[in-house]
Amino acid sequence: MPMEEPPPLTPQEMTARQTAEYADVSQPQTVKIFGIMHVIFAGFGLLSLIWTVILLTVGNPVFLVMPKTPEIAAQIKAQEAMQGQMMSVTVVSGLLTLVIGSIMLVAGIQLLKKRKAGLKWSNRYAWTSLAGKAVNIVLAFAFTMPVMKSSLSSGAGSLPVGAPEAIMIGSIVFGIVITCLYPILSLVLLNRPKTKEWFAAQPE
């Protein structure tokens, strides 16, 4: 009994198949790279959040194995006092880390799975991350800097007047600039015309 031949493909089906094959072959390397980096950075961010929760609930585990000298006891007391003063900043920063890390993880997975939604989720991560940096700047200058100012001043030694504030401001600005680079690169490189065309050809 002769085998039945499958029905011929319609022009639309042929075009869709050729487009999918071409899109898979010409996948931009930036998609794979950012997919991997998104997952890695999201994992580090969520792990840092877990570490912060541990510090706030049980204290620094390092202090548990250190000798119980008066100096260590004073250091523990000073750290606990600082944590209490900065609790509101810590909570807000933790929530931002959770939100941004979760969006970033979803974006990375979607990119690695070559899904059209990968670009949308990656853009959501980038804009949310940049907005989070703006919030962190406000928190740093409004809350963190006043708390740290006294600590830097007490240990300033022979530093000139105003040096502790300059150190603090420089550290804040440098940290914000460095952490803004990655989301900006993500926005620029994944939204190039050829890369967006590739995303448009991918499945949902």
C-alpha atoms as a PDB file:
ATOM      1  CA  MET A   1       0.000   0.000   0.000  1.00  0.00           C
ATOM      2  CA  PRO A   2       1.673   3.280  -1.064  1.00  0.00           C
ATOM      3  CA  MET A   3       2.421   5.754   1.660  1.00  0.00           C
ATOM      4  CA  GLU A   4       0.457   8.948   1.628  1.00  0.00           C
ATOM      5  CA  GLU A   5       2.507  12.029   0.947  1.00  0.00           C
ATOM      6  CA  PRO A   6       2.104  14.916   3.370  1.00  0.00           C
ATOM      7  CA  PRO A   7       0.127  17.845   2.023  1.00  0.00           C
ATOM      8  CA  PRO A   8       2.247  20.548   0.462  1.00  0.00           C
ATOM      9  CA  LEU A   9       3.127  23.541   2.560  1.00  0.00           C
ATOM     10  CA  THR A  10       1.279  26.736   1.942  1.00  0.00           C
ATOM     11  CA  PRO A  11       3.309  29.805   0.939  1.00  0.00           C
ATOM     12  CA  GLN A  12       2.742  31.255   4.407  1.00  0.00           C
ATOM     13  CA  GLU A  13       4.033  28.083   6.089  1.00  0.00           C
ATOM     14  CA  MET A  14       7.091  28.001   3.824  1.00  0.00           C
ATOM     15  CA  THR A  15       7.885  31.634   4.588  1.00  0.00           C
ATOM     16  CA  ALA A  16       7.452  31.098   8.331  1.00  0.00           C
ATOM     17  CA  ARG A  17       9.724  28.033   8.292  1.00  0.00           C
ATOM     18  CA  GLN A  18      12.428  29.777   6.277  1.00  0.00           C
ATOM     19  CA  THR A  19      12.244  32.850   8.516  1.00  0.00           C
ATOM     20  CA  ALA A  20      12.565  30.746  11.676  1.00  0.00           C
ATOM     21  CA  GLU A  21      15.537  28.825  10.299  1.00  0.00           C
ATOM     22  CA  TYR A  22      17.255  32.010   9.157  1.00  0.00           C
ATOM     23  CA  ALA A  23      16.573  33.774  12.437  1.00  0.00           C
ATOM     24  CA  ASP A  24      18.035  30.910  14.442  1.00  0.00           C
ATOM     25  CA  VAL A  25      21.184  30.782  12.310  1.00  0.00           C
ATOM     26  CA  SER A  26      21.767  34.536  12.443  1.00  0.00           C
ATOM     27  CA  GLN A  27      21.232  34.953  16.184  1.00  0.00           C
ATOM     28  CA  PRO A  28      23.226  37.971  17.381  1.00  0.00           C
ATOM     29  CA  GLN A  29      25.912  37.000  19.848  1.00  0.00           C
ATOM     30  CA  THR A  30      24.872  39.879  22.104  1.00  0.00           C
ATOM     31  CA  VAL A  31      21.579  38.086  22.811  1.00  0.00           C
ATOM     32  CA  LYS A  32      23.354  35.023  24.177  1.00  0.00           C
ATOM     33  CA  ILE A  33      25.956  37.062  26.056  1.00  0.00           C
ATOM     34  CA  PHE A  34      23.405  39.281  27.767  1.00  0.00           C
ATOM     35  CA  GLY A  35      21.226  36.262  28.511  1.00  0.00           C
ATOM     36  CA  ILE A  36      24.087  34.624  30.397  1.00  0.00           C
ATOM     37  CA  MET A  37      25.131  37.843  32.128  1.00  0.00           C
ATOM     38  CA  HIS A  38      21.549  38.672  33.146  1.00  0.00           C
ATOM     39  CA  VAL A  39      21.184  35.308  34.868  1.00  0.00           C
ATOM     40  CA  ILE A  40      24.582  35.571  36.588  1.00  0.00           C
ATOM     41  CA  PHE A  41      24.091  39.141  37.822  1.00  0.00           C
ATOM     42  CA  ALA A  42      20.527  38.412  38.937  1.00  0.00           C
ATOM     43  CA  GLY A  43      21.800  35.434  40.913  1.00  0.00           C
ATOM     44  CA  PHE A  44      24.482  37.537  42.618  1.00  0.00           C
ATOM     45  CA  GLY A  45      21.936  40.235  43.425  1.00  0.00           C
ATOM     46  CA  LEU A  46      19.478  37.798  44.986  1.00  0.00           C
ATOM     47  CA  LEU A  47      22.284  36.116  46.947  1.00  0.00           C
ATOM     48  CA  SER A  48      23.362  39.510  48.300  1.00  0.00           C
ATOM     49  CA  LEU A  49      19.773  40.103  49.379  1.00  0.00           C
ATOM     50  CA  ILE A  50      19.771  36.798  51.266  1.00  0.00           C
ATOM     51  CA  TRP A  51      23.049  37.797  52.946  1.00  0.00           C
ATOM     52  CA  THR A  52      21.535  41.132  53.984  1.00  0.00           C
ATOM     53  CA  VAL A  53      18.562  39.348  55.532  1.00  0.00           C
ATOM     54  CA  ILE A  54      20.954  37.092  57.473  1.00  0.00           C
ATOM     55  CA  LEU A  55      22.885  40.110  58.772  1.00  0.00           C
ATOM     56  CA  LEU A  56      19.690  41.799  59.938  1.00  0.00           C
ATOM     57  CA  THR A  57      18.214  38.729  61.622  1.00  0.00           C
ATOM     58  CA  VAL A  58      21.123  36.845  63.193  1.00  0.00           C
ATOM     59  CA  GLY A  59      23.958  39.356  62.899  1.00  0.00           C
ATOM     60  CA  ASN A  60      27.289  39.053  61.128  1.00  0.00           C
ATOM     61  CA  PRO A  61      28.370  35.372  61.326  1.00  0.00           C
ATOM     62  CA  VAL A  62      32.013  36.490  61.286  1.00  0.00           C
ATOM     63  CA  PHE A  63      31.581  38.061  64.728  1.00  0.00           C
ATOM     64  CA  LEU A  64      30.372  34.719  66.109  1.00  0.00           C
ATOM     65  CA  VAL A  65      33.775  33.085  65.595  1.00  0.00           C
ATOM     66  CA  MET A  66      35.888  36.064  66.681  1.00  0.00           C
ATOM     67  CA  PRO A  67      37.232  36.332  70.237  1.00  0.00           C
ATOM     68  CA  LYS A  68      34.916  38.126  72.663  1.00  0.00           C
ATOM     69  CA  THR A  69      37.267  41.014  73.421  1.00  0.00           C
ATOM     70  CA  PRO A  70      36.089  44.476  74.507  1.00  0.00           C
ATOM     71  CA  GLU A  71      37.165  45.865  71.130  1.00  0.00           C
ATOM     72  CA  ILE A  72      35.087  43.284  69.215  1.00  0.00           C
ATOM     73  CA  ALA A  73      32.126  43.885  71.501  1.00  0.00           C
ATOM     74  CA  ALA A  74      32.347  47.622  70.851  1.00  0.00           C
ATOM     75  CA  GLN A  75      32.573  46.998  67.112  1.00  0.00           C
ATOM     76  CA  ILE A  76      29.484  44.780  67.198  1.00  0.00           C
ATOM     77  CA  LYS A  77      27.592  47.386  69.173  1.00  0.00           C
ATOM     78  CA  ALA A  78      28.580  50.133  66.735  1.00  0.00           C
ATOM     79  CA  GLN A  79      27.512  48.032  63.752  1.00  0.00           C
ATOM     80  CA  GLU A  80      24.145  47.234  65.328  1.00  0.00           C
ATOM     81  CA  ALA A  81      23.587  50.921  66.073  1.00  0.00           C
ATOM     82  CA  MET A  82      24.399  51.844  62.468  1.00  0.00           C
ATOM     83  CA  GLN A  83      22.096  49.122  61.148  1.00  0.00           C
ATOM     84  CA  GLY A  84      19.294  50.488  63.285  1.00  0.00           C
ATOM     85  CA  GLN A  85      19.822  54.012  61.930  1.00  0.00           C
ATOM     86  CA  MET A  86      19.860  52.791  58.340  1.00  0.00           C
ATOM     87  CA  MET A  87      17.052  50.246  58.600  1.00  0.00           C
ATOM     88  CA  SER A  88      14.678  52.192  56.346  1.00  0.00           C
ATOM     89  CA  VAL A  89      17.370  52.532  53.660  1.00  0.00           C
ATOM     90  CA  THR A  90      18.203  48.834  53.929  1.00  0.00           C
ATOM     91  CA  VAL A  91      14.562  47.812  53.534  1.00  0.00           C
ATOM     92  CA  VAL A  92      14.016  50.032  50.476  1.00  0.00           C
ATOM     93  CA  SER A  93      17.274  48.883  48.884  1.00  0.00           C
ATOM     94  CA  GLY A  94      16.364  45.263  49.560  1.00  0.00           C
ATOM     95  CA  LEU A  95      12.975  45.633  47.906  1.00  0.00           C
ATOM     96  CA  LEU A  96      14.597  47.272  44.884  1.00  0.00           C
ATOM     97  CA  THR A  97      17.121  44.449  44.658  1.00  0.00           C
ATOM     98  CA  LEU A  98      14.340  41.859  44.808  1.00  0.00           C
ATOM     99  CA  VAL A  99      12.278  43.543  42.080  1.00  0.00           C
ATOM    100  CA  ILE A 100      15.197  44.303  39.767  1.00  0.00           C
ATOM    101  CA  GLY A 101      16.800  40.885  40.298  1.00  0.00           C
ATOM    102  CA  SER A 102      13.551  39.069  39.545  1.00  0.00           C
ATOM    103  CA  ILE A 103      12.947  41.039  36.338  1.00  0.00           C
ATOM    104  CA  MET A 104      16.563  40.523  35.303  1.00  0.00           C
ATOM    105  CA  LEU A 105      16.340  36.769  35.892  1.00  0.00           C
ATOM    106  CA  VAL A 106      13.191  36.481  33.762  1.00  0.00           C
ATOM    107  CA  ALA A 107      14.860  38.575  31.045  1.00  0.00           C
ATOM    108  CA  GLY A 108      17.956  36.374  31.037  1.00  0.00           C
ATOM    109  CA  ILE A 109      15.935  33.184  30.770  1.00  0.00           C
ATOM    110  CA  GLN A 110      13.845  34.605  27.922  1.00  0.00           C
ATOM    111  CA  LEU A 111      16.985  35.672  26.069  1.00  0.00           C
ATOM    112  CA  LEU A 112      18.590  32.248  26.449  1.00  0.00           C
ATOM    113  CA  LYS A 113      15.368  30.603  25.244  1.00  0.00           C
ATOM    114  CA  LYS A 114      15.441  32.892  22.162  1.00  0.00           C
ATOM    115  CA  ARG A 115      12.013  34.301  22.861  1.00  0.00           C
ATOM    116  CA  LYS A 116      10.608  37.517  21.447  1.00  0.00           C
ATOM    117  CA  ALA A 117       9.685  38.602  24.969  1.00  0.00           C
ATOM    118  CA  GLY A 118      13.380  38.578  25.912  1.00  0.00           C
ATOM    119  CA  LEU A 119      13.859  42.068  24.496  1.00  0.00           C
ATOM    120  CA  LYS A 120      10.805  43.417  26.309  1.00  0.00           C
ATOM    121  CA  TRP A 121      11.876  41.946  29.648  1.00  0.00           C
ATOM    122  CA  SER A 122      15.464  43.095  29.181  1.00  0.00           C
ATOM    123  CA  ASN A 123      14.290  46.643  28.505  1.00  0.00           C
ATOM    124  CA  ARG A 124      12.067  46.455  31.591  1.00  0.00           C
ATOM    125  CA  TYR A 125      15.068  45.406  33.642  1.00  0.00           C
ATOM    126  CA  ALA A 126      17.282  48.177  32.261  1.00  0.00           C
ATOM    127  CA  TRP A 127      14.806  51.001  32.885  1.00  0.00           C
ATOM    128  CA  THR A 128      13.853  49.626  36.307  1.00  0.00           C
ATOM    129  CA  SER A 129      17.529  49.329  37.205  1.00  0.00           C
ATOM    130  CA  LEU A 130      18.261  52.925  36.170  1.00  0.00           C
ATOM    131  CA  ALA A 131      15.233  54.130  38.135  1.00  0.00           C
ATOM    132  CA  GLY A 132      16.513  52.158  41.115  1.00  0.00           C
ATOM    133  CA  LYS A 133      19.885  53.879  40.813  1.00  0.00           C
ATOM    134  CA  ALA A 134      18.129  57.261  40.999  1.00  0.00           C
ATOM    135  CA  VAL A 135      16.328  56.159  44.164  1.00  0.00           C
ATOM    136  CA  ASN A 136      19.609  54.937  45.646  1.00  0.00           C
ATOM    137  CA  ILE A 137      21.236  58.329  44.974  1.00  0.00           C
ATOM    138  CA  VAL A 138      18.487  60.079  46.898  1.00  0.00           C
ATOM    139  CA  LEU A 139      18.737  57.591  49.763  1.00  0.00           C
ATOM    140  CA  ALA A 140      22.521  57.853  49.836  1.00  0.00           C
ATOM    141  CA  PHE A 141      22.609  61.634  50.154  1.00  0.00           C
ATOM    142  CA  ALA A 142      19.527  61.959  52.362  1.00  0.00           C
ATOM    143  CA  PHE A 143      20.119  59.082  54.802  1.00  0.00           C
ATOM    144  CA  THR A 144      23.329  57.087  54.305  1.00  0.00           C
ATOM    145  CA  MET A 145      25.729  60.012  54.047  1.00  0.00           C
ATOM    146  CA  PRO A 146      24.696  61.688  57.331  1.00  0.00           C
ATOM    147  CA  VAL A 147      25.046  58.366  59.180  1.00  0.00           C
ATOM    148  CA  MET A 148      28.436  57.584  57.676  1.00  0.00           C
ATOM    149  CA  LYS A 149      29.734  61.134  58.028  1.00  0.00           C
ATOM    150  CA  SER A 150      30.358  60.838  61.750  1.00  0.00           C
ATOM    151  CA  SER A 151      32.048  57.469  61.313  1.00  0.00           C
ATOM    152  CA  LEU A 152      34.415  58.796  58.652  1.00  0.00           C
ATOM    153  CA  SER A 153      35.094  61.937  60.659  1.00  0.00           C
ATOM    154  CA  SER A 154      36.041  59.985  63.776  1.00  0.00           C
ATOM    155  CA  GLY A 155      38.549  57.932  61.820  1.00  0.00           C
ATOM    156  CA  ALA A 156      39.756  60.743  59.610  1.00  0.00           C
ATOM    157  CA  GLY A 157      42.910  61.359  61.652  1.00  0.00           C
ATOM    158  CA  SER A 158      45.045  63.968  59.878  1.00  0.00           C
ATOM    159  CA  LEU A 159      42.741  64.270  56.868  1.00  0.00           C
ATOM    160  CA  PRO A 160      41.931  67.869  55.848  1.00  0.00           C
ATOM    161  CA  VAL A 161      38.596  69.414  56.770  1.00  0.00           C
ATOM    162  CA  GLY A 162      35.906  68.225  54.367  1.00  0.00           C
ATOM    163  CA  ALA A 163      37.890  65.180  53.252  1.00  0.00           C
ATOM    164  CA  PRO A 164      35.474  62.631  54.793  1.00  0.00           C
ATOM    165  CA  GLU A 165      32.545  64.188  52.913  1.00  0.00           C
ATOM    166  CA  ALA A 166      34.558  64.212  49.688  1.00  0.00           C
ATOM    167  CA  ILE A 167      35.435  60.535  50.153  1.00  0.00           C
ATOM    168  CA  MET A 168      31.798  59.656  50.733  1.00  0.00           C
ATOM    169  CA  ILE A 169      30.490  61.667  47.763  1.00  0.00           C
ATOM    170  CA  GLY A 170      33.196  60.263  45.498  1.00  0.00           C
ATOM    171  CA  SER A 171      32.380  56.706  46.522  1.00  0.00           C
ATOM    172  CA  ILE A 172      28.645  57.221  45.931  1.00  0.00           C
ATOM    173  CA  VAL A 173      29.095  58.853  42.517  1.00  0.00           C
ATOM    174  CA  PHE A 174      31.676  56.306  41.358  1.00  0.00           C
ATOM    175  CA  GLY A 175      29.509  53.387  42.462  1.00  0.00           C
ATOM    176  CA  ILE A 176      26.409  54.753  40.738  1.00  0.00           C
ATOM    177  CA  VAL A 177      28.273  55.450  37.474  1.00  0.00           C
ATOM    178  CA  ILE A 178      29.802  51.974  37.372  1.00  0.00           C
ATOM    179  CA  THR A 179      26.524  50.186  38.105  1.00  0.00           C
ATOM    180  CA  CYS A 180      24.691  52.254  35.452  1.00  0.00           C
ATOM    181  CA  LEU A 181      26.989  51.040  32.672  1.00  0.00           C
ATOM    182  CA  TYR A 182      25.534  47.545  32.355  1.00  0.00           C
ATOM    183  CA  PRO A 183      21.830  48.463  31.976  1.00  0.00           C
ATOM    184  CA  ILE A 184      22.778  51.230  29.515  1.00  0.00           C
ATOM    185  CA  LEU A 185      24.815  48.768  27.439  1.00  0.00           C
ATOM    186  CA  SER A 186      21.882  46.359  27.540  1.00  0.00           C
ATOM    187  CA  LEU A 187      19.522  49.030  26.201  1.00  0.00           C
ATOM    188  CA  VAL A 188      21.894  50.140  23.455  1.00  0.00           C
ATOM    189  CA  LEU A 189      23.146  46.791  22.178  1.00  0.00           C
ATOM    190  CA  LEU A 190      19.909  44.784  22.367  1.00  0.00           C
ATOM    191  CA  ASN A 191      17.883  47.524  20.683  1.00  0.00           C
ATOM    192  CA  ARG A 192      20.027  47.867  17.582  1.00  0.00           C
ATOM    193  CA  PRO A 193      17.909  47.596  14.389  1.00  0.00           C
ATOM    194  CA  LYS A 194      19.304  44.226  13.247  1.00  0.00           C
ATOM    195  CA  THR A 195      18.918  42.728  16.709  1.00  0.00           C
ATOM    196  CA  LYS A 196      15.322  43.975  16.986  1.00  0.00           C
ATOM    197  CA  GLU A 197      14.571  42.403  13.591  1.00  0.00           C
ATOM    198  CA  TRP A 198      15.895  39.100  14.913  1.00  0.00           C
ATOM    199  CA  PHE A 199      13.711  39.342  17.995  1.00  0.00           C
ATOM    200  CA  ALA A 200      10.650  40.095  15.826  1.00  0.00           C
ATOM    201  CA  ALA A 201      11.140  36.764  14.023  1.00  0.00           C
ATOM    202  CA  GLN A 202      11.298  34.698  17.223  1.00  0.00           C
ATOM    203  CA  PRO A 203       8.393  32.791  18.792  1.00  0.00           C
ATOM    204  CA  GLU A 204       6.460  34.164  21.722  1.00  0.00           C
END
